[in-house]
Protein backbone atom coordinates (compact mmCIF):
# COMPACT_ATOMS: atom_id res chain seq x y z
CA MET A 1 -14.64 -20.85 -4.63
CA ILE A 2 -11.31 -22.08 -5.21
CA ARG A 3 -9.57 -20.70 -8.63
CA ILE A 4 -6.07 -21.68 -9.93
CA SER A 5 -3.90 -19.14 -11.65
CA LYS A 6 -2.94 -20.09 -15.23
CA LEU A 7 0.74 -19.89 -14.12
CA PHE A 8 0.34 -22.40 -11.26
CA ILE A 9 0.47 -25.66 -13.12
CA PRO A 10 3.70 -24.77 -15.34
CA TYR A 11 5.36 -23.67 -11.98
CA ILE A 12 4.66 -26.72 -10.13
CA ILE A 13 5.85 -28.75 -13.13
CA LEU A 14 9.00 -26.76 -13.26
CA LEU A 15 9.67 -27.01 -9.27
CA ILE A 16 9.32 -31.01 -9.70
CA ILE A 17 11.82 -31.01 -12.51
CA LEU A 18 14.25 -29.02 -10.34
CA GLY A 19 13.84 -31.49 -7.50
CA PHE A 20 11.39 -29.80 -5.10
CA LYS A 21 8.94 -32.43 -4.19
CA GLY A 22 8.22 -32.98 -0.26
CA GLU A 23 8.92 -29.39 0.55
CA LEU A 24 6.56 -28.24 -2.01
CA VAL A 25 3.71 -30.40 -0.75
CA ILE A 26 4.23 -29.34 2.93
CA SER A 27 4.58 -25.68 1.72
CA PHE A 28 1.17 -25.52 -0.17
CA VAL A 29 -0.61 -27.43 2.56
CA PHE A 30 0.26 -24.53 5.05
CA VAL A 31 -0.33 -22.05 2.61
CA PHE A 32 -3.73 -23.22 2.26
CA LEU A 33 -4.15 -23.38 6.09
CA HIS A 34 -2.73 -19.80 6.18
CA GLU A 35 -5.47 -18.47 4.07
CA LEU A 36 -8.04 -20.64 6.01
CA MET A 37 -6.92 -18.64 9.04
CA HIS A 38 -7.61 -15.49 7.42
CA TYR A 39 -11.12 -16.72 6.40
CA LEU A 40 -11.91 -17.94 9.76
CA THR A 41 -10.77 -14.66 11.32
CA ALA A 42 -12.85 -12.80 8.74
CA ARG A 43 -15.90 -14.95 9.78
CA ILE A 44 -15.30 -14.40 13.52
CA LEU A 45 -15.62 -10.56 12.72
CA GLY A 46 -18.66 -10.99 10.70
CA PHE A 47 -17.63 -10.97 7.26
CA SER A 48 -19.00 -13.68 4.70
CA GLY A 49 -18.41 -14.96 1.01
CA PHE A 50 -14.79 -15.67 -0.05
CA ASP A 51 -12.67 -16.88 -3.07
CA ILE A 52 -9.46 -18.45 -2.78
CA GLU A 53 -6.98 -17.93 -5.72
CA ILE A 54 -4.03 -20.45 -5.98
CA LEU A 55 -0.98 -18.52 -7.29
CA PRO A 56 2.44 -19.69 -8.10
CA ILE A 57 3.78 -18.00 -4.99
CA GLY A 58 1.12 -19.30 -2.65
CA ALA A 59 -2.56 -18.32 -2.33
CA VAL A 60 -4.85 -15.23 -2.09
CA LEU A 61 -8.10 -15.19 0.05
CA LYS A 62 -10.52 -12.74 -1.29
CA VAL A 63 -13.60 -11.83 1.18
CA LYS A 64 -16.39 -10.31 -0.81
CA ASP A 65 -17.46 -7.70 1.77
CA LEU A 66 -13.83 -7.25 3.37
CA ASP A 67 -13.77 -3.59 1.78
CA GLU A 68 -16.39 -2.70 4.47
CA ALA A 69 -13.79 -3.63 7.20
CA SER A 70 -12.33 -0.90 9.29
CA ALA A 71 -8.40 -0.57 9.31
CA LYS A 72 -8.21 -2.23 12.65
CA GLU A 73 -10.50 -5.24 11.50
CA ASP A 74 -8.57 -5.54 8.14
CA LEU A 75 -5.37 -5.44 10.15
CA ILE A 76 -6.54 -8.20 12.51
CA ILE A 77 -7.51 -10.49 9.43
CA SER A 78 -4.25 -9.62 7.48
CA LEU A 79 -1.94 -10.65 10.48
CA ALA A 80 -4.02 -13.84 11.34
CA GLY A 81 -2.24 -15.79 8.55
CA PRO A 82 1.44 -15.06 9.23
CA ILE A 83 0.77 -15.34 13.09
CA PHE A 84 -0.52 -18.74 12.50
CA ASN A 85 2.45 -19.65 10.63
CA LEU A 86 4.88 -18.29 13.16
CA VAL A 87 3.04 -20.24 15.97
CA ILE A 88 3.23 -23.60 14.05
CA ALA A 89 6.86 -22.76 13.44
CA ALA A 90 7.55 -22.32 17.10
CA ILE A 91 5.67 -25.53 17.93
CA PHE A 92 7.55 -27.61 15.49
CA TYR A 93 10.85 -26.20 16.24
CA THR A 94 10.15 -27.17 19.94
CA LEU A 95 9.02 -30.62 18.79
CA PHE A 96 12.25 -31.09 16.60
CA ILE A 97 14.57 -30.16 19.54
CA LEU A 98 12.78 -32.60 21.84
CA TYR A 99 12.56 -35.48 19.32
CA ASN A 100 15.11 -34.59 16.58
CA ILE A 101 12.89 -35.77 13.72
CA PRO A 102 13.79 -34.12 10.41
CA TYR A 103 10.19 -33.94 9.19
CA PHE A 104 9.31 -31.64 12.08
CA HIS A 105 12.27 -29.52 11.21
CA LEU A 106 11.13 -29.15 7.71
CA ILE A 107 7.59 -28.04 8.99
CA TYR A 108 9.39 -25.67 11.04
CA ARG A 109 11.38 -24.10 8.34
CA SER A 110 8.37 -24.03 5.88
CA ASN A 111 6.11 -22.18 8.43
CA LEU A 112 8.91 -19.70 9.43
CA ALA A 113 9.55 -18.81 5.80
CA LEU A 114 5.91 -18.43 5.08
CA GLY A 115 5.25 -16.23 8.27
CA ILE A 116 8.36 -13.97 7.72
CA PHE A 117 7.73 -13.76 3.91
CA ASN A 118 4.04 -12.71 4.37
CA LEU A 119 5.01 -10.02 6.76
CA ILE A 120 6.93 -8.16 4.08
CA PRO A 121 5.31 -5.06 3.67
CA ALA A 122 4.64 -5.32 -0.18
CA PHE A 123 1.43 -6.18 -2.17
CA PRO A 124 -0.03 -8.47 -2.71
CA LEU A 125 1.37 -10.06 0.74
CA ASP A 126 -0.34 -9.73 4.13
CA GLY A 127 2.38 -7.31 5.10
CA GLY A 128 1.40 -4.83 2.47
CA ARG A 129 -2.22 -4.77 3.61
CA ALA A 130 -1.19 -4.56 7.26
CA PHE A 131 1.27 -1.73 6.67
CA ARG A 132 -1.51 0.22 4.86
CA ASP A 133 -3.99 -0.67 7.69
CA ILE A 134 -1.39 0.90 10.22
CA LEU A 135 -1.12 3.90 8.33
CA SER A 136 -4.82 4.36 7.69
CA ILE A 137 -5.33 4.26 11.36
CA LYS A 138 -3.25 7.69 11.58
CA THR A 139 -4.13 9.23 8.19
CA ILE A 140 -6.70 9.12 5.38
CA TYR A 141 -6.83 5.80 3.44
CA ARG A 142 -5.57 7.40 -0.10
CA LYS A 143 -2.70 8.78 1.49
CA ALA A 144 -2.06 5.38 3.46
CA ASN A 145 -2.45 3.63 0.13
CA GLU A 146 0.06 5.85 -1.72
CA ILE A 147 2.78 5.49 0.97
CA SER A 148 2.20 1.80 0.94
CA ILE A 149 2.33 1.44 -2.97
CA LYS A 150 5.68 3.31 -2.88
CA VAL A 151 7.10 1.07 -0.30
CA SER A 152 6.01 -1.90 -2.25
CA MET A 153 7.56 -0.60 -5.30
CA VAL A 154 10.77 -0.01 -3.65
CA ILE A 155 10.85 -3.51 -2.15
CA GLY A 156 10.02 -4.90 -5.48
CA SER A 157 12.84 -2.95 -7.06
CA VAL A 158 15.34 -4.19 -4.49
CA PHE A 159 14.26 -7.84 -5.08
CA MET A 160 14.58 -7.44 -8.80
CA PHE A 161 18.14 -6.04 -8.31
CA ILE A 162 19.12 -8.96 -6.11
CA TYR A 163 17.66 -11.36 -8.66
CA PHE A 164 19.64 -9.89 -11.55
CA VAL A 165 22.88 -9.91 -9.41
CA SER A 166 22.08 -13.62 -8.65
CA VAL A 167 21.72 -14.29 -12.40
CA TYR A 168 25.03 -12.61 -13.16
CA ALA A 169 26.71 -14.67 -10.51
CA ASN A 170 25.27 -17.94 -11.99
CA ARG A 171 22.84 -18.34 -9.02
CA ASN A 172 19.68 -17.95 -10.79
CA ASN A 173 16.74 -17.90 -8.38
CA PHE A 174 13.70 -18.54 -10.35
CA THR A 175 11.23 -18.14 -7.37
CA LEU A 176 12.72 -14.70 -6.55
CA GLY A 177 12.14 -13.37 -10.06
CA LEU A 178 8.71 -14.71 -9.98
CA ILE A 179 7.95 -13.02 -6.43
CA THR A 180 9.42 -9.70 -7.94
CA ILE A 181 7.09 -9.76 -10.97
CA PHE A 182 3.94 -10.26 -8.76
CA ILE A 183 5.01 -7.57 -6.26
CA LEU A 184 5.48 -4.87 -9.01
CA ILE A 185 2.37 -5.94 -11.08
CA SER A 186 0.26 -5.93 -7.77
CA SER A 187 1.64 -2.43 -6.61
CA ILE A 188 0.75 -1.09 -10.10
CA LYS A 189 -2.76 -2.61 -9.93
CA GLU A 190 -3.35 -1.00 -6.48
CA LYS A 191 -2.28 2.24 -7.84
CA GLU A 192 -4.52 2.28 -10.81
CA ARG A 193 -7.66 0.97 -8.75
CA ILE A 194 -7.63 3.54 -5.86
CA VAL A 195 -10.13 6.08 -7.38
CA TYR A 196 -12.61 3.34 -8.44
CA LEU A 197 -12.14 1.76 -5.08
CA ILE A 198 -13.11 5.04 -3.25
CA MET A 199 -16.13 5.44 -5.42
CA GLY A 200 -17.16 1.94 -4.53
CA TYR A 201 -16.69 2.71 -0.82
CA ILE A 202 -19.16 5.57 -1.24
CA ILE A 203 -21.88 3.41 -2.91
CA LYS A 204 -21.40 0.53 -0.43
CA LYS A 205 -21.63 2.96 2.54
CA LYS A 206 -25.32 3.55 1.92
CA TYR A 207 -26.06 -0.07 2.38
CA ARG A 208 -23.86 -0.49 5.23
CA PHE A 209 -25.70 2.70 6.72
CA ILE A 210 -29.04 0.85 6.12
CA LYS A 211 -27.99 -2.31 7.66
CA ARG A 212 -26.47 -0.74 10.82
CA GLY A 213 -28.72 2.07 11.10
CA TYR A 214 -25.94 4.64 11.67
CA VAL A 215 -22.69 6.00 10.47
CA GLU A 216 -20.27 8.57 11.99
CA ASN A 217 -19.78 11.93 10.13
CA ARG A 218 -16.51 13.59 9.19
CA SER A 219 -16.43 17.29 8.31
CA ILE A 220 -13.39 18.83 6.40
CA SER A 221 -12.79 22.32 4.96
CA ILE A 222 -11.29 22.48 1.49
CA PHE A 223 -9.95 25.46 -0.58
CA CYS A 224 -12.28 26.28 -3.48
CA ASP A 225 -9.41 26.01 -6.16
CA LYS A 226 -8.89 22.25 -5.49
CA ASN A 227 -10.37 19.96 -8.08
CA LEU A 228 -13.06 17.19 -7.50
CA LEU A 229 -10.61 14.34 -7.77
CA SER A 230 -8.39 15.81 -4.86
CA VAL A 231 -11.73 15.91 -2.83
CA LEU A 232 -12.52 12.42 -3.75
CA GLY A 233 -9.17 11.25 -2.51
CA ILE A 234 -9.47 12.54 0.99
CA ILE A 235 -12.83 10.89 1.55
CA ASP A 236 -12.94 8.47 4.62
CA LYS A 237 -14.50 5.07 3.67
CA ASN A 238 -15.92 4.52 7.06
CA LYS A 239 -17.65 7.86 7.74
CA TYR A 240 -19.96 10.12 5.91
CA ASN A 241 -18.02 13.07 4.58
CA LEU A 242 -19.19 16.62 4.47
CA PHE A 243 -16.98 19.28 2.78
CA THR A 244 -17.00 22.83 3.71
CA ILE A 245 -15.76 24.78 0.86
CA LEU A 246 -13.78 27.93 1.70
CA ASP A 247 -12.23 30.89 -0.53
CA GLU A 248 -8.98 32.52 0.03
CA ASN A 249 -10.30 34.46 2.93
CA MET A 250 -11.44 31.22 4.75
CA SER A 251 -14.94 32.42 3.96
CA LEU A 252 -17.67 29.92 3.40
CA ILE A 253 -18.71 29.41 -0.02
CA GLU A 254 -20.76 26.06 -0.07
CA THR A 255 -21.18 22.83 1.65
CA LEU A 256 -21.00 19.72 -0.37
CA TYR A 257 -21.68 15.99 0.37
CA GLU A 258 -19.73 12.89 -0.93
CA GLU A 259 -22.30 11.64 -2.93
CA GLU A 260 -22.64 15.11 -4.77
CA ILE A 261 -18.75 15.02 -5.55
CA ILE A 262 -19.19 11.60 -7.36
CA GLU A 263 -22.14 12.89 -9.45
CA ALA A 264 -20.13 16.03 -10.26
CA ILE A 265 -17.23 14.03 -11.53
CA LYS A 266 -19.60 12.08 -13.75
CA ALA A 267 -21.32 14.92 -15.05
CA TYR A 268 -18.36 17.38 -15.64
CA GLY A 269 -15.09 15.49 -15.08
CA ASN A 270 -12.29 16.89 -12.87
CA ILE A 271 -13.24 20.51 -12.70
CA SER A 272 -12.36 22.75 -9.73
CA LEU A 273 -14.77 23.24 -6.82
CA SER A 274 -15.27 26.90 -7.46
CA GLU A 275 -16.21 25.78 -11.16
CA TYR A 276 -18.85 23.26 -9.98
CA ILE A 277 -20.31 25.71 -7.51
CA GLU A 278 -20.73 28.15 -10.29
CA ILE A 279 -22.36 25.51 -12.43
CA LYS A 280 -24.76 24.93 -9.23
CA LYS A 281 -25.61 28.60 -8.97
CA LEU A 282 -26.30 28.90 -12.87
CA LYS A 283 -28.64 25.89 -12.84
CA GLY A 284 -30.42 27.20 -9.65
CA THR A 285 -31.27 30.52 -11.37
CA LEU A 286 -32.79 28.61 -14.40
C-alpha cells in the first residue's frame, strides 16, 4: 500500500512555485526506486508485506515483519537503498564524462545527493537504522537505540543551527528546515516507543519460535535491587532471555523468564526485582 503524507502536496506546490520542476520529478523517481530496492532486498531475505509512505523529504518503506530481522539483516536492508543511489550516480557520472549530456549530470547529482543524505546517521533516514544496527551487533538493542537517538538529536540540532544561521543571512533554506523538523520528531518518537517495541519483540518471538522450531537462549545475572523496566531494557530481541537474580553477595535468589517480566510489569508496575520475588513467595505460600 502506498500512503501520501498530508504535508506532501503543499510541499510540492511550494517547490513548483519556487522553480523546482525537472529536478523534482527525477528526484522522486529515484526516491521511489530507492525504496523499491529496500523492498526487493527485504523480499530476498524472506520478509514480506510492505507500505510505502510518501513524505515531503522523500519516502519511507515499512516492512510489516521487519522487526523480526536480525541486526545484520536490517543493516543489509537499510544500506540497499543508499548503495543503489551511489551506484547509479557512478554510472551516470561516467556517462556524462563520455557524452557530456546535461541530463546525465542531473541524474548523477540527484542520486549522489540521495545516497549521501540517506547515510546520515539520523532518524528516520537509512543511516540512523544502519548506525543502530552496527551498534546492536556489539551491544544490547536498547543501548544501541539510546546512542543512535542521541546522535540523531545532535545532528538534528546542528541542522537547526545551520538553518537559523541561513535565515539570519537571508538565505532561507526551506528544505533544510523541513528536514530538521522530521529528524527531531522522528528521534523523539523512537525514544518514546522503545519500551513498547521491546514488549512487542517478546510477543512476536513466540510465533517466530513456533515457525522456525528453535530459538537461541541468553542468560544474564542481575542485581536484585534493579527494577523491572531496567530488566526489560536489556532483553535481546532475537534470543530467549533467562535472568538469574543475585543479591549483594552474588548468591542466587531466583531465576526469572522474559515473559514473566512482562506479566510482572502489567500486574505490579515498575517495582524492584526483590519486591517482585517477595510477592511470588507470598503467593506461593497462600
